[in-house]
Amino acid sequence: MSVIERFLQAVENKDEDTLNELVHDDYKFIPHIKGVEFGKRDMVSICMSDSFTRNESRIVYENDEIAIDHAFVTFANGSTPEAVISVHRISEGKIMSTETGATPLDEGYSLVGSDE
């Protein structure tokens, strides 16, 4: 299983040990929210929380240096769902950084096969 497959599975399963194993100590998370940057501890904490749910997640591209994934994300606070693309830089089997871009979805948006 690739690094990004293991990472996304760990996010889905809230597997803190695997997240800590796969995310480099000098990791940087740069979300699409301007002016914000998080480190490894913050990212693992976010992934372990119930603040978001990834739906219809898929890996768009990956090799030993970069991985790109896409998902529809809903938030526990009820804010507008988003289509999120994430670019992960990988080095020596660890994720060094993640940067996201997002598109808010229309209020009437409903995930295929969901009750939302």
Protein backbone atom coordinates (compact mmCIF):
# COMPACT_ATOMS: atom_id res chain seq x y z
CA MET A 1 0.00 0.00 0.00
CA SER A 2 1.37 3.43 -0.92
CA VAL A 3 2.13 6.22 1.54
CA ILE A 4 -0.92 8.23 0.50
CA GLU A 5 -3.21 5.19 0.63
CA ARG A 6 -2.01 4.46 4.16
CA PHE A 7 -2.37 8.13 5.14
CA LEU A 8 -5.93 8.47 3.83
CA GLN A 9 -6.91 5.18 5.44
CA ALA A 10 -5.43 6.41 8.75
CA VAL A 11 -7.44 9.64 8.46
CA GLU A 12 -10.63 7.67 7.81
CA ASN A 13 -9.97 5.23 10.66
CA LYS A 14 -8.59 7.85 13.06
CA ASP A 15 -5.41 5.81 13.40
CA GLU A 16 -3.14 8.16 15.33
CA ASP A 17 -0.15 5.79 15.39
CA THR A 18 -0.09 5.47 11.60
CA LEU A 19 -0.56 9.22 11.14
CA ASN A 20 2.41 9.88 13.42
CA GLU A 21 4.45 7.31 11.51
CA LEU A 22 3.67 8.72 8.05
CA VAL A 23 3.81 12.47 8.75
CA HIS A 24 7.32 13.92 8.96
CA ASP A 25 8.26 15.80 12.13
CA ASP A 26 8.91 18.97 10.05
CA TYR A 27 5.55 18.62 8.26
CA LYS A 28 3.64 21.72 7.13
CA PHE A 29 -0.10 21.78 6.42
CA ILE A 30 -1.11 24.79 4.34
CA PRO A 31 -4.91 24.80 4.02
CA HIS A 32 -6.86 26.91 1.58
CA ILE A 33 -7.67 29.32 4.42
CA LYS A 34 -5.34 32.24 3.80
CA GLY A 35 -2.59 32.98 6.27
CA VAL A 36 -2.89 29.71 8.18
CA GLU A 37 -0.22 27.02 8.53
CA PHE A 38 -0.14 23.99 10.81
CA GLY A 39 2.52 21.54 11.91
CA LYS A 40 2.47 17.78 12.44
CA ARG A 41 0.88 17.85 15.90
CA ASP A 42 -1.91 20.15 14.69
CA MET A 43 -2.57 18.02 11.61
CA VAL A 44 -2.77 14.79 13.59
CA SER A 45 -5.11 16.48 16.08
CA ILE A 46 -7.37 17.73 13.26
CA CYS A 47 -7.46 14.25 11.71
CA MET A 48 -8.35 12.66 15.05
CA SER A 49 -11.24 15.08 15.64
CA ASP A 50 -14.82 14.74 14.46
CA SER A 51 -14.75 18.18 12.82
CA PHE A 52 -14.98 16.91 9.23
CA THR A 53 -15.96 13.93 7.10
CA ARG A 54 -14.36 13.04 3.76
CA ASN A 55 -16.72 11.52 1.18
CA GLU A 56 -16.09 10.00 -2.24
CA SER A 57 -12.35 10.29 -1.62
CA ARG A 58 -10.03 9.27 -4.46
CA ILE A 59 -6.37 9.44 -5.31
CA VAL A 60 -5.91 11.46 -8.50
CA TYR A 61 -2.16 10.95 -8.93
CA GLU A 62 0.80 9.65 -6.98
CA ASN A 63 4.45 8.73 -7.26
CA ASP A 64 7.31 8.61 -4.75
CA GLU A 65 7.50 12.41 -4.51
CA ILE A 66 3.94 13.73 -4.75
CA ALA A 67 0.36 12.59 -4.24
CA ILE A 68 -2.87 14.35 -5.14
CA ASP A 69 -6.25 13.39 -3.73
CA HIS A 70 -9.76 14.76 -4.03
CA ALA A 71 -12.74 14.46 -1.69
CA PHE A 72 -16.04 16.08 -0.85
CA VAL A 73 -15.77 17.34 2.71
CA THR A 74 -18.60 18.09 5.12
CA PHE A 75 -18.04 19.86 8.42
CA ALA A 76 -19.51 19.15 11.86
CA ASN A 77 -20.13 22.87 12.41
CA GLY A 78 -22.62 22.87 9.52
CA SER A 79 -20.60 25.18 7.27
CA THR A 80 -20.85 24.85 3.51
CA PRO A 81 -19.54 21.51 2.19
CA GLU A 82 -16.48 21.77 -0.05
CA ALA A 83 -14.83 19.90 -2.88
CA VAL A 84 -11.21 19.70 -1.68
CA ILE A 85 -8.08 18.82 -3.62
CA SER A 86 -4.94 18.11 -1.60
CA VAL A 87 -1.36 18.01 -2.82
CA HIS A 88 1.04 16.07 -0.60
CA ARG A 89 4.83 16.31 -0.98
CA ILE A 90 6.51 13.01 -0.06
CA SER A 91 10.14 12.33 0.80
CA GLU A 92 11.71 9.10 2.02
CA GLY A 93 8.31 7.53 2.66
CA LYS A 94 6.94 10.37 4.79
CA ILE A 95 4.55 13.20 4.00
CA MET A 96 6.50 16.47 4.25
CA SER A 97 3.70 18.90 3.43
CA THR A 98 0.08 19.14 2.35
CA GLU A 99 -1.56 22.06 0.59
CA THR A 100 -5.27 22.22 -0.17
CA GLY A 101 -7.57 24.06 -2.52
CA ALA A 102 -11.34 24.03 -2.12
CA THR A 103 -14.54 24.96 -3.87
CA PRO A 104 -17.64 25.59 -1.74
CA LEU A 105 -20.59 23.53 -2.90
CA ASP A 106 -24.08 24.88 -3.48
CA GLU A 107 -26.48 24.61 -0.54
CA GLY A 108 -28.57 22.12 -2.50
CA TYR A 109 -25.60 19.83 -3.06
CA SER A 110 -26.08 16.24 -1.98
CA LEU A 111 -23.49 13.49 -2.07
CA VAL A 112 -24.42 10.56 -4.29
CA GLY A 113 -25.70 7.77 -2.08
CA SER A 114 -25.88 9.87 1.07
CA ASP A 115 -28.80 11.03 3.12
CA GLU A 116 -27.54 14.61 3.24
